[in-house]
């Protein structure tokens, strides 16, 4: 039976990717994709190669790195070879390996897995929104503090000007009261700044914990895949 070939443009349409992406994957995964060319030096793609492209796309869409994708492709190819040559592996072991690989694939493509892989995007959106909110709050707080200080110190200046009509003793008393008032205003300003800095520190700590949790999820996934495949071979 003659093998059916399609052009790389048709293959890209079937896989759902652009042509240049498939060409990049041909180079990146050249040990799995040995694509022939016709008399016009155009790539001709087989159905098996299209299936490999589909698997690569699925793994890429789930944000797996190149090393992990190659490992999964190797494991898949090893199962096919063992099933055709039947060297030293009984049917029960072969079925267990197939079942393990199927579970890994289903887990990678599952809705729950996609939600885990989307945590980083959600964190980035959340961080962007919070940063914008914090920046706006900083501008509003700074503007308010400037306006309040201007009004308060303007009032203080007016009071100082009016002291020229009072006696020396009253002037001293007023100056002491004004110094106390300035100290109170300064303390209030410092307290507002300390509360705001404490808010920023708590926010950064929450963001760090969220990022650490996301990294832990990726690390556990990478450790799980080789453990399952190696324990069944």
Protein backbone atom coordinates (compact mmCIF):
# COMPACT_ATOMS: atom_id res chain seq x y z
CA UNK A 1 0.00 0.00 0.00
CA UNK A 2 1.34 3.41 -1.03
CA UNK A 3 2.00 5.85 1.77
CA UNK A 4 -0.09 9.03 1.52
CA UNK A 5 1.78 12.33 1.73
CA UNK A 6 0.58 15.90 2.21
CA UNK A 7 2.34 19.24 1.90
CA UNK A 8 3.57 21.07 4.97
CA UNK A 9 0.88 23.73 4.41
CA UNK A 10 -1.81 21.05 4.54
CA UNK A 11 -0.16 19.47 7.58
CA UNK A 12 -0.10 22.85 9.34
CA UNK A 13 -3.82 23.25 8.65
CA UNK A 14 -4.55 19.78 10.05
CA UNK A 15 -2.43 20.34 13.17
CA UNK A 16 -3.74 23.85 13.70
CA UNK A 17 -0.43 25.67 13.63
CA UNK A 18 1.46 27.96 11.25
CA UNK A 19 3.89 26.54 8.73
CA UNK A 20 6.97 28.18 10.25
CA UNK A 21 6.08 26.64 13.63
CA UNK A 22 6.11 23.13 12.11
CA UNK A 23 9.47 23.91 10.47
CA UNK A 24 10.86 24.99 13.84
CA UNK A 25 9.58 21.77 15.44
CA UNK A 26 11.16 19.75 12.62
CA UNK A 27 14.54 21.15 13.73
CA UNK A 28 13.82 21.03 17.46
CA UNK A 29 12.62 17.40 17.36
CA UNK A 30 14.64 16.17 14.40
CA UNK A 31 15.28 12.79 16.03
CA UNK A 32 11.52 12.09 15.80
CA UNK A 33 10.76 13.84 12.47
CA UNK A 34 12.71 12.69 9.42
CA UNK A 35 10.75 14.54 6.73
CA UNK A 36 11.44 13.68 3.09
CA UNK A 37 11.29 16.07 0.14
CA UNK A 38 9.88 15.67 -3.35
CA UNK A 39 11.52 16.46 -6.70
CA UNK A 40 10.73 20.14 -6.16
CA UNK A 41 12.52 20.07 -2.76
CA UNK A 42 9.19 20.59 -0.97
CA UNK A 43 8.51 18.83 2.31
CA UNK A 44 6.13 15.87 2.15
CA UNK A 45 4.52 14.87 5.44
CA UNK A 46 3.17 11.42 6.37
CA UNK A 47 0.17 10.68 8.58
CA UNK A 48 2.51 9.38 11.30
CA UNK A 49 4.47 12.64 11.23
CA UNK A 50 1.24 14.65 11.46
CA UNK A 51 0.35 12.65 14.57
CA UNK A 52 3.76 13.48 16.08
CA UNK A 53 3.18 17.16 15.31
CA UNK A 54 -0.19 16.92 17.07
CA UNK A 55 1.38 15.41 20.16
CA UNK A 56 4.07 18.12 20.23
CA UNK A 57 1.41 20.83 19.91
CA UNK A 58 -0.59 19.31 22.78
CA UNK A 59 2.49 19.19 25.01
CA UNK A 60 3.52 22.73 24.00
CA UNK A 61 0.03 24.04 24.73
CA UNK A 62 0.41 22.61 28.24
CA UNK A 63 3.70 24.53 28.68
CA UNK A 64 5.97 21.47 28.87
CA UNK A 65 9.65 22.06 28.15
CA UNK A 66 11.53 20.47 25.26
CA UNK A 67 13.31 17.87 27.42
CA UNK A 68 10.04 16.62 28.91
CA UNK A 69 8.34 16.46 25.49
CA UNK A 70 11.23 14.43 24.06
CA UNK A 71 11.05 12.04 26.99
CA UNK A 72 7.33 11.48 26.41
CA UNK A 73 7.89 10.95 22.68
CA UNK A 74 10.70 8.47 23.40
CA UNK A 75 8.49 6.53 25.81
CA UNK A 76 5.71 6.42 23.26
CA UNK A 77 8.06 5.19 20.54
CA UNK A 78 9.54 2.53 22.89
CA UNK A 79 6.10 1.06 23.55
CA UNK A 80 5.40 0.83 19.81
CA UNK A 81 8.75 -0.86 19.13
CA UNK A 82 8.34 -3.37 21.93
CA UNK A 83 4.84 -4.24 20.76
CA UNK A 84 6.14 -5.06 17.24
CA UNK A 85 9.30 -6.94 18.16
CA UNK A 86 8.04 -8.59 21.39
CA UNK A 87 11.49 -8.90 23.03
CA UNK A 88 11.28 -10.09 26.61
CA UNK A 89 8.19 -8.15 27.75
CA UNK A 90 5.00 -10.07 28.44
CA UNK A 91 1.57 -8.79 27.53
CA UNK A 92 0.70 -7.82 31.10
CA UNK A 93 3.80 -5.61 31.47
CA UNK A 94 3.15 -4.05 28.07
CA UNK A 95 -0.42 -3.23 29.03
CA UNK A 96 0.74 -1.71 32.31
CA UNK A 97 3.19 0.54 30.45
CA UNK A 98 0.51 1.59 27.97
CA UNK A 99 -1.91 2.27 30.82
CA UNK A 100 0.68 4.41 32.65
CA UNK A 101 1.45 6.45 29.54
CA UNK A 102 -2.25 6.89 28.86
CA UNK A 103 -2.81 8.16 32.40
CA UNK A 104 0.11 10.58 32.06
CA UNK A 105 -1.28 11.92 28.78
CA UNK A 106 -4.78 12.25 30.22
CA UNK A 107 -3.38 14.01 33.28
CA UNK A 108 -1.38 16.47 31.14
CA UNK A 109 -4.42 17.23 28.98
CA UNK A 110 -6.89 17.31 31.89
CA UNK A 111 -8.82 20.41 32.89
CA UNK A 112 -7.26 20.35 36.36
CA UNK A 113 -3.76 20.31 34.90
CA UNK A 114 -4.56 23.25 32.66
CA UNK A 115 -5.83 25.16 35.69
CA UNK A 116 -2.53 24.50 37.49
CA UNK A 117 -0.55 25.67 34.48
CA UNK A 118 -2.71 28.81 34.27
CA UNK A 119 -1.80 29.85 37.84
CA UNK A 120 1.15 31.89 36.60
CA UNK A 121 -1.03 33.80 34.15
CA UNK A 122 -3.63 34.46 36.83
CA UNK A 123 -0.89 35.66 39.19
CA UNK A 124 0.51 37.98 36.55
CA UNK A 125 -2.93 39.50 35.92
CA UNK A 126 -3.56 39.81 39.65
CA UNK A 127 -0.14 41.36 40.20
CA UNK A 128 -0.73 43.85 37.37
CA UNK A 129 -4.10 44.89 38.81
CA UNK A 130 -2.78 45.19 42.35
CA UNK A 131 0.28 47.16 41.23
CA UNK A 132 -1.94 49.59 39.33
CA UNK A 133 -4.20 49.92 42.36
CA UNK A 134 -1.22 50.45 44.67
CA UNK A 135 0.31 53.03 42.33
CA UNK A 136 -2.96 54.90 42.16
CA UNK A 137 -3.24 54.76 45.94
CA UNK A 138 0.31 56.11 46.27
CA UNK A 139 -0.48 59.04 43.98
CA UNK A 140 -3.73 59.80 45.78
CA UNK A 141 -2.07 59.54 49.20
CA UNK A 142 0.84 61.74 48.18
CA UNK A 143 -1.49 64.34 46.67
CA UNK A 144 -3.68 64.33 49.75
CA UNK A 145 -0.73 64.59 52.12
CA UNK A 146 0.71 67.50 50.09
CA UNK A 147 -2.58 69.36 50.08
CA UNK A 148 -3.20 68.76 53.79
CA UNK A 149 0.33 69.84 54.66
CA UNK A 150 0.01 72.95 52.51
CA UNK A 151 -3.23 73.95 54.20
CA UNK A 152 -1.99 73.10 57.69
CA UNK A 153 1.31 74.95 57.29
CA UNK A 154 -0.48 77.86 55.63
CA UNK A 155 -2.66 78.15 58.69
CA UNK A 156 0.42 77.94 60.89
CA UNK A 157 2.09 80.73 58.91
CA UNK A 158 -0.97 82.90 59.29
CA UNK A 159 -0.93 82.33 63.02
CA UNK A 160 2.76 83.26 63.20
CA UNK A 161 2.08 86.47 61.30
CA UNK A 162 -0.62 87.42 63.75
CA UNK A 163 1.81 87.08 66.65
CA UNK A 164 3.27 90.50 65.89
CA UNK A 165 0.27 92.06 67.58
CA UNK A 166 0.70 90.11 70.82
CA UNK A 167 3.05 90.46 73.70
CA UNK A 168 6.40 88.66 73.88
CA UNK A 169 5.07 86.23 76.46
CA UNK A 170 2.01 85.36 74.38
CA UNK A 171 4.21 85.02 71.29
CA UNK A 172 6.41 82.48 73.06
CA UNK A 173 3.38 80.55 74.21
CA UNK A 174 1.92 80.52 70.73
CA UNK A 175 5.23 79.41 69.24
CA UNK A 176 5.38 76.49 71.66
CA UNK A 177 1.86 75.48 70.71
CA UNK A 178 2.75 75.77 67.02
CA UNK A 179 5.83 73.59 67.47
CA UNK A 180 3.68 70.98 69.18
CA UNK A 181 1.17 71.19 66.34
CA UNK A 182 3.92 70.73 63.76
CA UNK A 183 5.22 67.73 65.70
CA UNK A 184 1.75 66.20 65.75
CA UNK A 185 1.35 66.75 62.01
CA UNK A 186 4.75 65.17 61.34
CA UNK A 187 3.95 62.14 63.52
CA UNK A 188 0.65 61.64 61.73
CA UNK A 189 2.39 61.83 58.37
CA UNK A 190 5.04 59.31 59.51
CA UNK A 191 2.33 56.94 60.79
CA UNK A 192 0.49 57.06 57.46
CA UNK A 193 3.70 56.27 55.62
CA UNK A 194 4.50 53.37 57.98
CA UNK A 195 1.03 51.86 57.50
CA UNK A 196 1.36 52.16 53.76
CA UNK A 197 4.83 50.54 53.73
CA UNK A 198 3.51 47.71 55.92
CA UNK A 199 0.72 47.13 53.37
CA UNK A 200 3.26 46.93 50.53
CA UNK A 201 5.41 44.46 52.48
CA UNK A 202 2.42 42.18 53.19
CA UNK A 203 1.43 42.27 49.52
CA UNK A 204 4.95 41.33 48.37
CA UNK A 205 5.06 38.43 50.86
CA UNK A 206 1.72 37.10 49.57
CA UNK A 207 2.96 37.35 46.00
CA UNK A 208 6.16 35.47 46.90
CA UNK A 209 4.21 32.68 48.60
CA UNK A 210 1.92 32.36 45.58
CA UNK A 211 4.89 32.14 43.20
CA UNK A 212 6.60 29.54 45.41
CA UNK A 213 3.41 27.47 45.37
CA UNK A 214 3.26 27.65 41.57
CA UNK A 215 6.93 26.59 41.25
CA UNK A 216 6.30 23.67 43.62
CA UNK A 217 3.41 22.46 41.44
CA UNK A 218 5.64 22.47 38.32
CA UNK A 219 8.45 20.72 40.19
CA UNK A 220 6.12 17.97 41.47
CA UNK A 221 4.79 17.38 37.94
CA UNK A 222 8.29 17.01 36.46
CA UNK A 223 9.23 14.58 39.20
CA UNK A 224 6.04 12.58 38.76
CA UNK A 225 6.40 11.90 35.02
CA UNK A 226 9.82 10.17 35.05
CA UNK A 227 8.91 8.27 38.23
CA UNK A 228 5.85 6.68 36.67
CA UNK A 229 7.57 5.77 33.39
CA UNK A 230 10.69 4.39 35.04
CA UNK A 231 8.83 2.35 37.63
CA UNK A 232 6.91 0.44 34.94
CA UNK A 233 9.84 -0.44 32.64
